[in-house]
Protein backbone atom coordinates (compact mmCIF):
# COMPACT_ATOMS: atom_id res chain seq x y z
CA UNK A 1 0.00 0.00 0.00
CA UNK A 2 2.66 2.49 0.99
CA UNK A 3 4.63 1.71 -2.16
CA UNK A 4 1.64 2.50 -4.34
CA UNK A 5 0.92 5.71 -2.43
CA UNK A 6 4.57 6.78 -2.75
CA UNK A 7 4.66 6.03 -6.45
CA UNK A 8 1.62 8.22 -7.03
CA UNK A 9 2.49 10.99 -4.57
CA UNK A 10 6.25 11.23 -4.94
CA UNK A 11 6.96 9.95 -8.43
CA UNK A 12 3.79 11.21 -10.09
CA UNK A 13 2.89 7.87 -11.64
CA UNK A 14 -0.61 7.50 -13.01
CA UNK A 15 -3.23 5.66 -10.97
CA UNK A 16 -4.65 3.65 -13.92
CA UNK A 17 -1.16 2.41 -14.80
CA UNK A 18 -0.45 1.32 -11.23
CA UNK A 19 -3.88 -0.29 -10.95
CA UNK A 20 -3.12 -2.47 -13.97
CA UNK A 21 0.34 -3.30 -12.64
CA UNK A 22 -0.96 -4.37 -9.22
CA UNK A 23 -4.14 -5.99 -10.50
CA UNK A 24 -6.58 -3.73 -8.68
CA UNK A 25 -9.20 -1.29 -9.84
CA UNK A 26 -8.22 2.41 -9.85
CA UNK A 27 -10.86 3.19 -7.21
CA UNK A 28 -8.89 1.06 -4.73
CA UNK A 29 -5.83 3.26 -5.19
CA UNK A 30 -7.88 6.45 -5.00
CA UNK A 31 -9.32 5.17 -1.70
CA UNK A 32 -5.80 4.54 -0.39
CA UNK A 33 -4.82 8.08 -1.32
CA UNK A 34 -7.94 9.55 0.28
CA UNK A 35 -7.37 7.59 3.50
CA UNK A 36 -3.78 8.79 3.62
CA UNK A 37 -4.93 12.38 3.21
CA UNK A 38 -7.42 11.99 6.06
CA UNK A 39 -4.93 10.45 8.50
CA UNK A 40 -3.45 13.70 9.86
CA UNK A 41 -6.95 14.97 10.56
CA UNK A 42 -7.82 11.69 12.30
CA UNK A 43 -4.70 11.93 14.46
CA UNK A 44 -5.59 15.48 15.49
CA UNK A 45 -9.17 14.47 16.23
CA UNK A 46 -7.99 11.54 18.35
CA UNK A 47 -5.66 13.79 20.35
CA UNK A 48 -8.52 16.26 20.92
CA UNK A 49 -10.84 13.48 22.08
CA UNK A 50 -8.19 12.15 24.47
CA UNK A 51 -7.79 15.62 26.02
CA UNK A 52 -11.56 15.99 26.36
CA UNK A 53 -11.80 12.52 27.91
CA UNK A 54 -9.09 13.35 30.44
CA UNK A 55 -10.86 16.60 31.36
CA UNK A 56 -14.16 14.78 31.85
CA UNK A 57 -12.50 12.14 34.02
CA UNK A 58 -11.05 14.91 36.19
CA UNK A 59 -14.45 16.60 36.50
CA UNK A 60 -16.11 13.33 37.46
CA UNK A 61 -13.39 12.64 40.01
CA UNK A 62 -13.90 16.08 41.56
CA UNK A 63 -17.67 15.61 41.72
CA UNK A 64 -17.32 12.19 43.34
CA UNK A 65 -14.87 13.59 45.89
CA UNK A 66 -17.20 16.51 46.70
CA UNK A 67 -20.12 14.11 47.02
CA UNK A 68 -18.22 11.92 49.47
CA UNK A 69 -17.12 14.92 51.54
CA UNK A 70 -20.71 16.16 51.66
CA UNK A 71 -21.94 12.80 52.97
CA UNK A 72 -19.27 12.71 55.70
CA UNK A 73 -20.20 16.18 57.00
CA UNK A 74 -23.86 15.23 57.52
C-alpha atoms as a PDB file:
ATOM      1  CA  UNK A   1       0.000   0.000   0.000  1.00  0.00           C
ATOM      2  CA  UNK A   2       2.662   2.486   0.994  1.00  0.00           C
ATOM      3  CA  UNK A   3       4.634   1.708  -2.161  1.00  0.00           C
ATOM      4  CA  UNK A   4       1.636   2.496  -4.339  1.00  0.00           C
ATOM      5  CA  UNK A   5       0.922   5.707  -2.433  1.00  0.00           C
ATOM      6  CA  UNK A   6       4.566   6.781  -2.747  1.00  0.00           C
ATOM      7  CA  UNK A   7       4.664   6.034  -6.446  1.00  0.00           C
ATOM      8  CA  UNK A   8       1.623   8.220  -7.032  1.00  0.00           C
ATOM      9  CA  UNK A   9       2.489  10.995  -4.573  1.00  0.00           C
ATOM     10  CA  UNK A  10       6.253  11.233  -4.940  1.00  0.00           C
ATOM     11  CA  UNK A  11       6.959   9.953  -8.434  1.00  0.00           C
ATOM     12  CA  UNK A  12       3.788  11.207 -10.094  1.00  0.00           C
ATOM     13  CA  UNK A  13       2.893   7.869 -11.637  1.00  0.00           C
ATOM     14  CA  UNK A  14      -0.611   7.504 -13.012  1.00  0.00           C
ATOM     15  CA  UNK A  15      -3.233   5.663 -10.972  1.00  0.00           C
ATOM     16  CA  UNK A  16      -4.647   3.654 -13.925  1.00  0.00           C
ATOM     17  CA  UNK A  17      -1.155   2.407 -14.802  1.00  0.00           C
ATOM     18  CA  UNK A  18      -0.448   1.315 -11.235  1.00  0.00           C
ATOM     19  CA  UNK A  19      -3.879  -0.293 -10.945  1.00  0.00           C
ATOM     20  CA  UNK A  20      -3.117  -2.467 -13.973  1.00  0.00           C
ATOM     21  CA  UNK A  21       0.341  -3.303 -12.639  1.00  0.00           C
ATOM     22  CA  UNK A  22      -0.960  -4.366  -9.222  1.00  0.00           C
ATOM     23  CA  UNK A  23      -4.136  -5.987 -10.502  1.00  0.00           C
ATOM     24  CA  UNK A  24      -6.575  -3.725  -8.684  1.00  0.00           C
ATOM     25  CA  UNK A  25      -9.195  -1.286  -9.843  1.00  0.00           C
ATOM     26  CA  UNK A  26      -8.223   2.414  -9.854  1.00  0.00           C
ATOM     27  CA  UNK A  27     -10.863   3.185  -7.213  1.00  0.00           C
ATOM     28  CA  UNK A  28      -8.894   1.062  -4.730  1.00  0.00           C
ATOM     29  CA  UNK A  29      -5.833   3.257  -5.189  1.00  0.00           C
ATOM     30  CA  UNK A  30      -7.879   6.449  -4.997  1.00  0.00           C
ATOM     31  CA  UNK A  31      -9.325   5.174  -1.702  1.00  0.00           C
ATOM     32  CA  UNK A  32      -5.799   4.539  -0.388  1.00  0.00           C
ATOM     33  CA  UNK A  33      -4.819   8.079  -1.324  1.00  0.00           C
ATOM     34  CA  UNK A  34      -7.939   9.546   0.277  1.00  0.00           C
ATOM     35  CA  UNK A  35      -7.369   7.586   3.497  1.00  0.00           C
ATOM     36  CA  UNK A  36      -3.776   8.786   3.622  1.00  0.00           C
ATOM     37  CA  UNK A  37      -4.934  12.381   3.208  1.00  0.00           C
ATOM     38  CA  UNK A  38      -7.421  11.994   6.063  1.00  0.00           C
ATOM     39  CA  UNK A  39      -4.926  10.454   8.498  1.00  0.00           C
ATOM     40  CA  UNK A  40      -3.446  13.698   9.857  1.00  0.00           C
ATOM     41  CA  UNK A  41      -6.949  14.967  10.563  1.00  0.00           C
ATOM     42  CA  UNK A  42      -7.817  11.691  12.298  1.00  0.00           C
ATOM     43  CA  UNK A  43      -4.698  11.930  14.461  1.00  0.00           C
ATOM     44  CA  UNK A  44      -5.591  15.483  15.486  1.00  0.00           C
ATOM     45  CA  UNK A  45      -9.173  14.473  16.226  1.00  0.00           C
ATOM     46  CA  UNK A  46      -7.985  11.539  18.345  1.00  0.00           C
ATOM     47  CA  UNK A  47      -5.665  13.792  20.347  1.00  0.00           C
ATOM     48  CA  UNK A  48      -8.516  16.257  20.918  1.00  0.00           C
ATOM     49  CA  UNK A  49     -10.835  13.482  22.075  1.00  0.00           C
ATOM     50  CA  UNK A  50      -8.188  12.153  24.466  1.00  0.00           C
ATOM     51  CA  UNK A  51      -7.792  15.619  26.020  1.00  0.00           C
ATOM     52  CA  UNK A  52     -11.556  15.986  26.364  1.00  0.00           C
ATOM     53  CA  UNK A  53     -11.799  12.522  27.908  1.00  0.00           C
ATOM     54  CA  UNK A  54      -9.095  13.350  30.444  1.00  0.00           C
ATOM     55  CA  UNK A  55     -10.862  16.603  31.359  1.00  0.00           C
ATOM     56  CA  UNK A  56     -14.160  14.776  31.845  1.00  0.00           C
ATOM     57  CA  UNK A  57     -12.497  12.136  34.015  1.00  0.00           C
ATOM     58  CA  UNK A  58     -11.045  14.909  36.194  1.00  0.00           C
ATOM     59  CA  UNK A  59     -14.445  16.597  36.499  1.00  0.00           C
ATOM     60  CA  UNK A  60     -16.113  13.327  37.459  1.00  0.00           C
ATOM     61  CA  UNK A  61     -13.386  12.642  40.009  1.00  0.00           C
ATOM     62  CA  UNK A  62     -13.900  16.077  41.565  1.00  0.00           C
ATOM     63  CA  UNK A  63     -17.666  15.611  41.716  1.00  0.00           C
ATOM     64  CA  UNK A  64     -17.321  12.191  43.336  1.00  0.00           C
ATOM     65  CA  UNK A  65     -14.872  13.586  45.892  1.00  0.00           C
ATOM     66  CA  UNK A  66     -17.203  16.506  46.699  1.00  0.00           C
ATOM     67  CA  UNK A  67     -20.123  14.114  47.020  1.00  0.00           C
ATOM     68  CA  UNK A  68     -18.223  11.921  49.475  1.00  0.00           C
ATOM     69  CA  UNK A  69     -17.125  14.924  51.538  1.00  0.00           C
ATOM     70  CA  UNK A  70     -20.714  16.163  51.659  1.00  0.00           C
ATOM     71  CA  UNK A  71     -21.939  12.803  52.972  1.00  0.00           C
ATOM     72  CA  UNK A  72     -19.267  12.712  55.698  1.00  0.00           C
ATOM     73  CA  UNK A  73     -20.201  16.179  56.997  1.00  0.00           C
ATOM     74  CA  UNK A  74     -23.861  15.227  57.524  1.00  0.00           C
END
